[in-house]
Amino acid sequence: MHKDLNHYSLSRAFFDFAFENPEKIKPNHIALYFFAIEHCNRLGWKSKFGLPSSMTMEAIGIKSYNTYINTLNDLISFGFILLIEKSKNQYSSNIIALSKFNKANDKALDNALIKHSTKHLQSTIQSTDTIDKQDNKITNNNKQITIQNTDLLDLIDENWRKLLLEWIEYRQLIKKKINNPKKTYLHLLKISNNDFNTAKQIVDISIANSYIGLFPLKNNDYGKQNTANQSRSQKRNEAFKSEYFKNFGPNE
């Protein structure tokens, strides 16, 4: 089997194709194709393998042999399956191979999903903007952070959640509390073009340089990543030290 073939690459290619060709794809295609992937996986990802007709029909709930063979022929014509040897009847196996399909435009579905997710989040945020909620205590890296309207944290990806909490924690340490995390998050999405790695670099650079705000990267900012990573701990330690001495004095 081709070294690049795996569950992820095969399913991604299939749904990229399905998104571009919704008139062609039916539930039977999905069931049969993913059963073929699973069967191939259980056989140790053989380059070609037998796909028993009766067993496959029973597994995916297709009663008619004609429906089954038409579905298989569709997947062959789409380019997802290569037919090595045709079965003689419904009680024998077709010998097939999984194809490395790369004809679909993978950017179309990616962009559609990002656009939908952003719109959904914006719609949800706008619908809850008028609701007043008490401040809540959130724990991040064993530190308690006060944040309003914590519904936002339930809506976003875990990596984005940790990054947002890190920025909120930094702002509280420098006594510049963020009053509207939702606007901060949407601003970060906008200036990073919805890219997490870019967003992380923006936050790292702002903390390293003691900025109050978040700003789009400039061309020369891309070379500052290592410097930012090295100085972030120093900046945070200085902020904690200042807060400690303020409350307890230098001799405590």
Protein backbone atom coordinates (compact mmCIF):
# COMPACT_ATOMS: atom_id res chain seq x y z
CA MET A 1 0.00 0.00 0.00
CA HIS A 2 1.13 3.54 -0.68
CA LYS A 3 2.92 4.95 2.37
CA ASP A 4 0.73 8.08 2.40
CA LEU A 5 -2.53 6.13 2.66
CA ASN A 6 -4.19 6.07 6.06
CA HIS A 7 -7.64 6.59 7.55
CA TYR A 8 -7.18 10.34 7.75
CA SER A 9 -5.87 10.98 4.24
CA LEU A 10 -8.46 8.68 2.66
CA SER A 11 -11.43 10.15 4.53
CA ARG A 12 -10.25 13.72 3.93
CA ALA A 13 -9.90 13.11 0.19
CA PHE A 14 -13.33 11.47 0.08
CA PHE A 15 -15.15 14.31 1.81
CA ASP A 16 -13.31 16.93 -0.24
CA PHE A 17 -14.69 15.15 -3.32
CA ALA A 18 -18.15 14.83 -1.74
CA PHE A 19 -18.24 18.55 -0.95
CA GLU A 20 -17.44 19.44 -4.56
CA ASN A 21 -19.80 16.81 -6.01
CA PRO A 22 -22.84 16.59 -3.72
CA GLU A 23 -25.03 15.36 -6.56
CA LYS A 24 -22.90 12.22 -6.96
CA ILE A 25 -22.42 11.03 -3.39
CA LYS A 26 -25.05 8.94 -1.59
CA PRO A 27 -25.00 7.29 1.85
CA ASN A 28 -24.27 3.90 0.25
CA HIS A 29 -21.03 5.28 -1.20
CA ILE A 30 -19.87 6.42 2.23
CA ALA A 31 -20.81 3.13 3.91
CA LEU A 32 -19.12 0.94 1.29
CA TYR A 33 -15.97 3.03 0.96
CA PHE A 34 -15.33 3.29 4.68
CA PHE A 35 -16.05 -0.41 5.18
CA ALA A 36 -13.43 -1.11 2.49
CA ILE A 37 -10.95 1.12 4.38
CA GLU A 38 -11.70 -0.67 7.64
CA HIS A 39 -11.39 -4.10 5.99
CA CYS A 40 -8.05 -3.10 4.45
CA ASN A 41 -6.83 -1.85 7.83
CA ARG A 42 -7.72 -5.15 9.53
CA LEU A 43 -5.79 -6.99 6.84
CA GLY A 44 -2.68 -4.95 7.66
CA TRP A 45 -3.09 -2.36 4.88
CA LYS A 46 -2.48 -4.83 2.06
CA SER A 47 -1.87 -3.23 -1.34
CA LYS A 48 -4.71 -5.33 -2.83
CA PHE A 49 -7.26 -7.47 -1.07
CA GLY A 50 -10.50 -9.38 -1.48
CA LEU A 51 -13.78 -7.66 -0.64
CA PRO A 52 -16.38 -10.42 -0.10
CA SER A 53 -19.70 -9.25 -1.54
CA SER A 54 -22.10 -11.01 0.83
CA MET A 55 -20.13 -10.06 3.96
CA THR A 56 -19.86 -6.43 2.84
CA MET A 57 -23.56 -6.20 1.98
CA GLU A 58 -24.48 -7.56 5.42
CA ALA A 59 -22.07 -5.21 7.20
CA ILE A 60 -23.37 -2.01 5.58
CA GLY A 61 -27.03 -2.99 5.34
CA ILE A 62 -27.45 -3.26 1.56
CA LYS A 63 -30.00 -5.97 0.64
CA SER A 64 -29.81 -5.83 -3.14
CA TYR A 65 -26.75 -7.15 -4.97
CA ASN A 66 -27.47 -4.80 -7.88
CA THR A 67 -27.43 -1.83 -5.50
CA TYR A 68 -24.15 -3.05 -4.02
CA ILE A 69 -22.40 -3.60 -7.36
CA ASN A 70 -23.65 -0.25 -8.70
CA THR A 71 -22.28 1.49 -5.61
CA LEU A 72 -18.94 -0.27 -6.00
CA ASN A 73 -18.79 0.64 -9.68
CA ASP A 74 -19.46 4.29 -8.77
CA LEU A 75 -16.53 4.32 -6.34
CA ILE A 76 -14.35 2.80 -9.04
CA SER A 77 -15.44 5.43 -11.57
CA PHE A 78 -14.87 8.21 -9.02
CA GLY A 79 -11.29 6.96 -8.62
CA PHE A 80 -11.39 5.88 -4.97
CA ILE A 81 -11.15 2.14 -5.62
CA LEU A 82 -9.13 0.22 -8.21
CA LEU A 83 -10.67 -3.04 -9.46
CA ILE A 84 -7.95 -5.68 -9.77
CA GLU A 85 -10.17 -8.68 -10.45
CA LYS A 86 -13.94 -8.77 -10.82
CA SER A 87 -15.96 -11.32 -8.85
CA LYS A 88 -17.89 -13.98 -10.77
CA ASN A 89 -21.01 -13.69 -8.60
CA GLN A 90 -22.30 -12.25 -5.34
CA TYR A 91 -20.80 -15.10 -3.33
CA SER A 92 -17.21 -14.43 -4.37
CA SER A 93 -14.86 -11.52 -3.73
CA ASN A 94 -13.85 -8.60 -5.88
CA ILE A 95 -10.10 -8.07 -5.66
CA ILE A 96 -9.60 -4.34 -5.14
CA ALA A 97 -7.04 -1.76 -4.07
CA LEU A 98 -7.53 1.60 -2.39
CA SER A 99 -6.46 4.49 -4.59
CA LYS A 100 -4.57 7.59 -3.46
CA PHE A 101 -7.23 10.02 -4.64
CA ASN A 102 -5.97 13.60 -5.06
CA LYS A 103 -8.28 15.15 -7.64
CA ALA A 104 -10.46 17.13 -5.25
CA ASN A 105 -9.77 20.67 -4.16
CA ASP A 106 -9.05 20.31 -0.45
CA LYS A 107 -9.16 24.10 0.13
CA ALA A 108 -12.85 24.39 -0.76
CA LEU A 109 -14.12 22.35 2.19
CA ASP A 110 -11.48 23.78 4.56
CA ASN A 111 -12.53 27.35 3.76
CA ALA A 112 -16.23 26.47 4.02
CA LEU A 113 -15.78 24.88 7.46
CA ILE A 114 -13.72 27.82 8.75
CA LYS A 115 -16.27 30.31 7.42
CA HIS A 116 -19.18 28.37 8.94
CA SER A 117 -17.46 28.01 12.32
CA THR A 118 -16.64 31.72 12.49
CA LYS A 119 -20.18 32.73 11.51
CA HIS A 120 -21.66 30.30 14.05
CA LEU A 121 -19.44 31.65 16.81
CA GLN A 122 -20.20 35.27 15.91
CA SER A 123 -23.93 34.52 15.85
CA THR A 124 -23.79 32.79 19.23
CA ILE A 125 -21.74 35.59 20.75
CA GLN A 126 -24.10 38.28 19.43
CA SER A 127 -27.12 36.41 20.79
CA THR A 128 -25.62 36.33 24.32
CA ASP A 129 -24.05 39.80 24.38
CA THR A 130 -27.04 41.30 26.23
CA ILE A 131 -27.00 38.72 29.03
CA ASP A 132 -25.26 39.90 32.21
CA LYS A 133 -23.36 37.21 34.08
CA GLN A 134 -21.32 37.18 37.25
CA ASP A 135 -17.56 36.89 37.07
CA ASN A 136 -16.28 33.33 37.23
CA LYS A 137 -12.99 31.90 38.42
CA ILE A 138 -11.15 29.85 35.78
CA THR A 139 -8.07 27.77 36.62
CA ASN A 140 -5.22 27.94 34.09
CA ASN A 141 -1.83 26.38 34.90
CA ASN A 142 -2.82 26.19 38.59
CA LYS A 143 -3.63 29.93 38.69
CA GLN A 144 -7.12 31.37 39.12
CA ILE A 145 -8.21 33.86 36.48
CA THR A 146 -11.34 36.00 36.67
CA ILE A 147 -13.25 36.03 33.39
CA GLN A 148 -16.72 37.19 32.46
CA ASN A 149 -19.15 35.34 30.18
CA THR A 150 -17.44 31.95 30.28
CA ASP A 151 -19.87 30.51 27.68
CA LEU A 152 -17.22 31.52 25.14
CA LEU A 153 -14.76 29.01 26.59
CA ASP A 154 -17.21 26.18 25.96
CA LEU A 155 -17.53 27.09 22.29
CA ILE A 156 -13.94 27.27 21.14
CA ASP A 157 -11.23 24.71 20.43
CA GLU A 158 -9.04 23.63 23.36
CA ASN A 159 -5.85 25.14 21.91
CA TRP A 160 -7.57 28.50 21.30
CA ARG A 161 -9.08 28.32 24.79
CA LYS A 162 -5.65 27.91 26.43
CA LEU A 163 -4.19 30.71 24.31
CA LEU A 164 -7.02 33.09 25.22
CA LEU A 165 -6.69 32.24 28.91
CA GLU A 166 -2.95 32.87 28.70
CA TRP A 167 -3.54 36.36 27.29
CA ILE A 168 -6.24 37.09 29.89
CA GLU A 169 -3.90 35.95 32.68
CA TYR A 170 -1.11 38.19 31.37
CA ARG A 171 -3.45 41.21 31.18
CA GLN A 172 -4.57 40.65 34.76
CA LEU A 173 -0.98 40.44 35.94
CA ILE A 174 -0.21 43.87 34.46
CA LYS A 175 -3.45 45.27 35.93
CA LYS A 176 -5.11 45.71 32.53
CA LYS A 177 -8.10 43.41 32.93
CA ILE A 178 -9.96 42.38 29.77
CA ASN A 179 -13.62 43.30 30.11
CA ASN A 180 -14.85 41.57 26.96
CA PRO A 181 -13.03 38.30 26.14
CA LYS A 182 -15.39 37.71 23.23
CA LYS A 183 -14.22 40.81 21.39
CA THR A 184 -10.61 39.91 22.19
CA TYR A 185 -11.08 36.42 20.74
CA LEU A 186 -12.77 37.69 17.57
CA HIS A 187 -10.03 40.30 17.15
CA LEU A 188 -7.37 37.61 17.47
CA LEU A 189 -9.20 35.45 14.91
CA LYS A 190 -9.30 38.37 12.49
CA ILE A 191 -5.67 39.46 12.73
CA SER A 192 -4.41 35.85 12.57
CA ASN A 193 -6.67 34.95 9.64
CA ASN A 194 -8.12 32.09 11.75
CA ASP A 195 -4.67 30.42 11.94
CA PHE A 196 -3.74 29.16 15.41
CA ASN A 197 0.04 29.19 14.89
CA THR A 198 -0.12 32.81 13.75
CA ALA A 199 -2.35 33.69 16.70
CA LYS A 200 0.06 32.06 19.14
CA GLN A 201 2.97 34.01 17.69
CA ILE A 202 0.98 37.25 18.04
CA VAL A 203 0.27 36.52 21.71
CA ASP A 204 3.88 35.46 22.38
CA ILE A 205 5.29 38.65 20.86
CA SER A 206 2.83 40.89 22.72
CA ILE A 207 3.69 39.28 26.07
CA ALA A 208 7.43 39.33 25.37
CA ASN A 209 7.31 43.04 24.53
CA SER A 210 4.90 43.98 27.36
CA TYR A 211 2.26 45.13 24.89
CA ILE A 212 -1.23 45.88 26.16
CA GLY A 213 -2.88 44.92 22.86
CA LEU A 214 -2.68 42.31 20.13
CA PHE A 215 -1.45 43.40 16.72
CA PRO A 216 -1.09 41.78 13.26
CA LEU A 217 2.31 40.35 12.49
CA LYS A 218 4.68 42.42 10.42
CA ASN A 219 7.19 40.87 8.03
CA ASN A 220 10.03 41.21 10.51
CA ASP A 221 7.96 39.70 13.30
CA TYR A 222 8.42 36.22 11.88
CA GLY A 223 12.04 36.29 12.98
CA LYS A 224 11.15 37.21 16.54
CA GLN A 225 9.57 33.90 17.55
CA ASN A 226 12.62 32.49 19.36
CA THR A 227 13.26 35.77 21.16
CA ALA A 228 9.62 35.95 22.17
CA ASN A 229 9.64 32.41 23.55
CA GLN A 230 12.80 33.08 25.55
CA SER A 231 11.58 36.30 27.11
CA ARG A 232 7.99 35.29 27.89
CA SER A 233 8.93 33.45 31.09
CA GLN A 234 11.07 36.38 32.19
CA LYS A 235 8.20 38.85 31.66
CA ARG A 236 5.74 36.65 33.53
CA ASN A 237 8.18 36.10 36.41
CA GLU A 238 8.76 39.84 36.72
CA ALA A 239 5.02 40.46 36.88
CA PHE A 240 4.54 37.82 39.58
CA LYS A 241 7.53 39.15 41.51
CA SER A 242 6.15 42.68 41.44
CA GLU A 243 2.75 41.47 42.63
CA TYR A 244 4.33 39.39 45.42
CA PHE A 245 6.47 42.25 46.77
CA LYS A 246 3.50 44.58 46.64
CA ASN A 247 1.44 42.29 48.85
CA PHE A 248 4.07 40.80 51.18
CA GLY A 249 7.18 42.94 50.99
CA PRO A 250 10.70 41.90 49.94
CA ASN A 251 11.55 40.18 53.25
CA GLU A 252 8.73 37.67 53.25
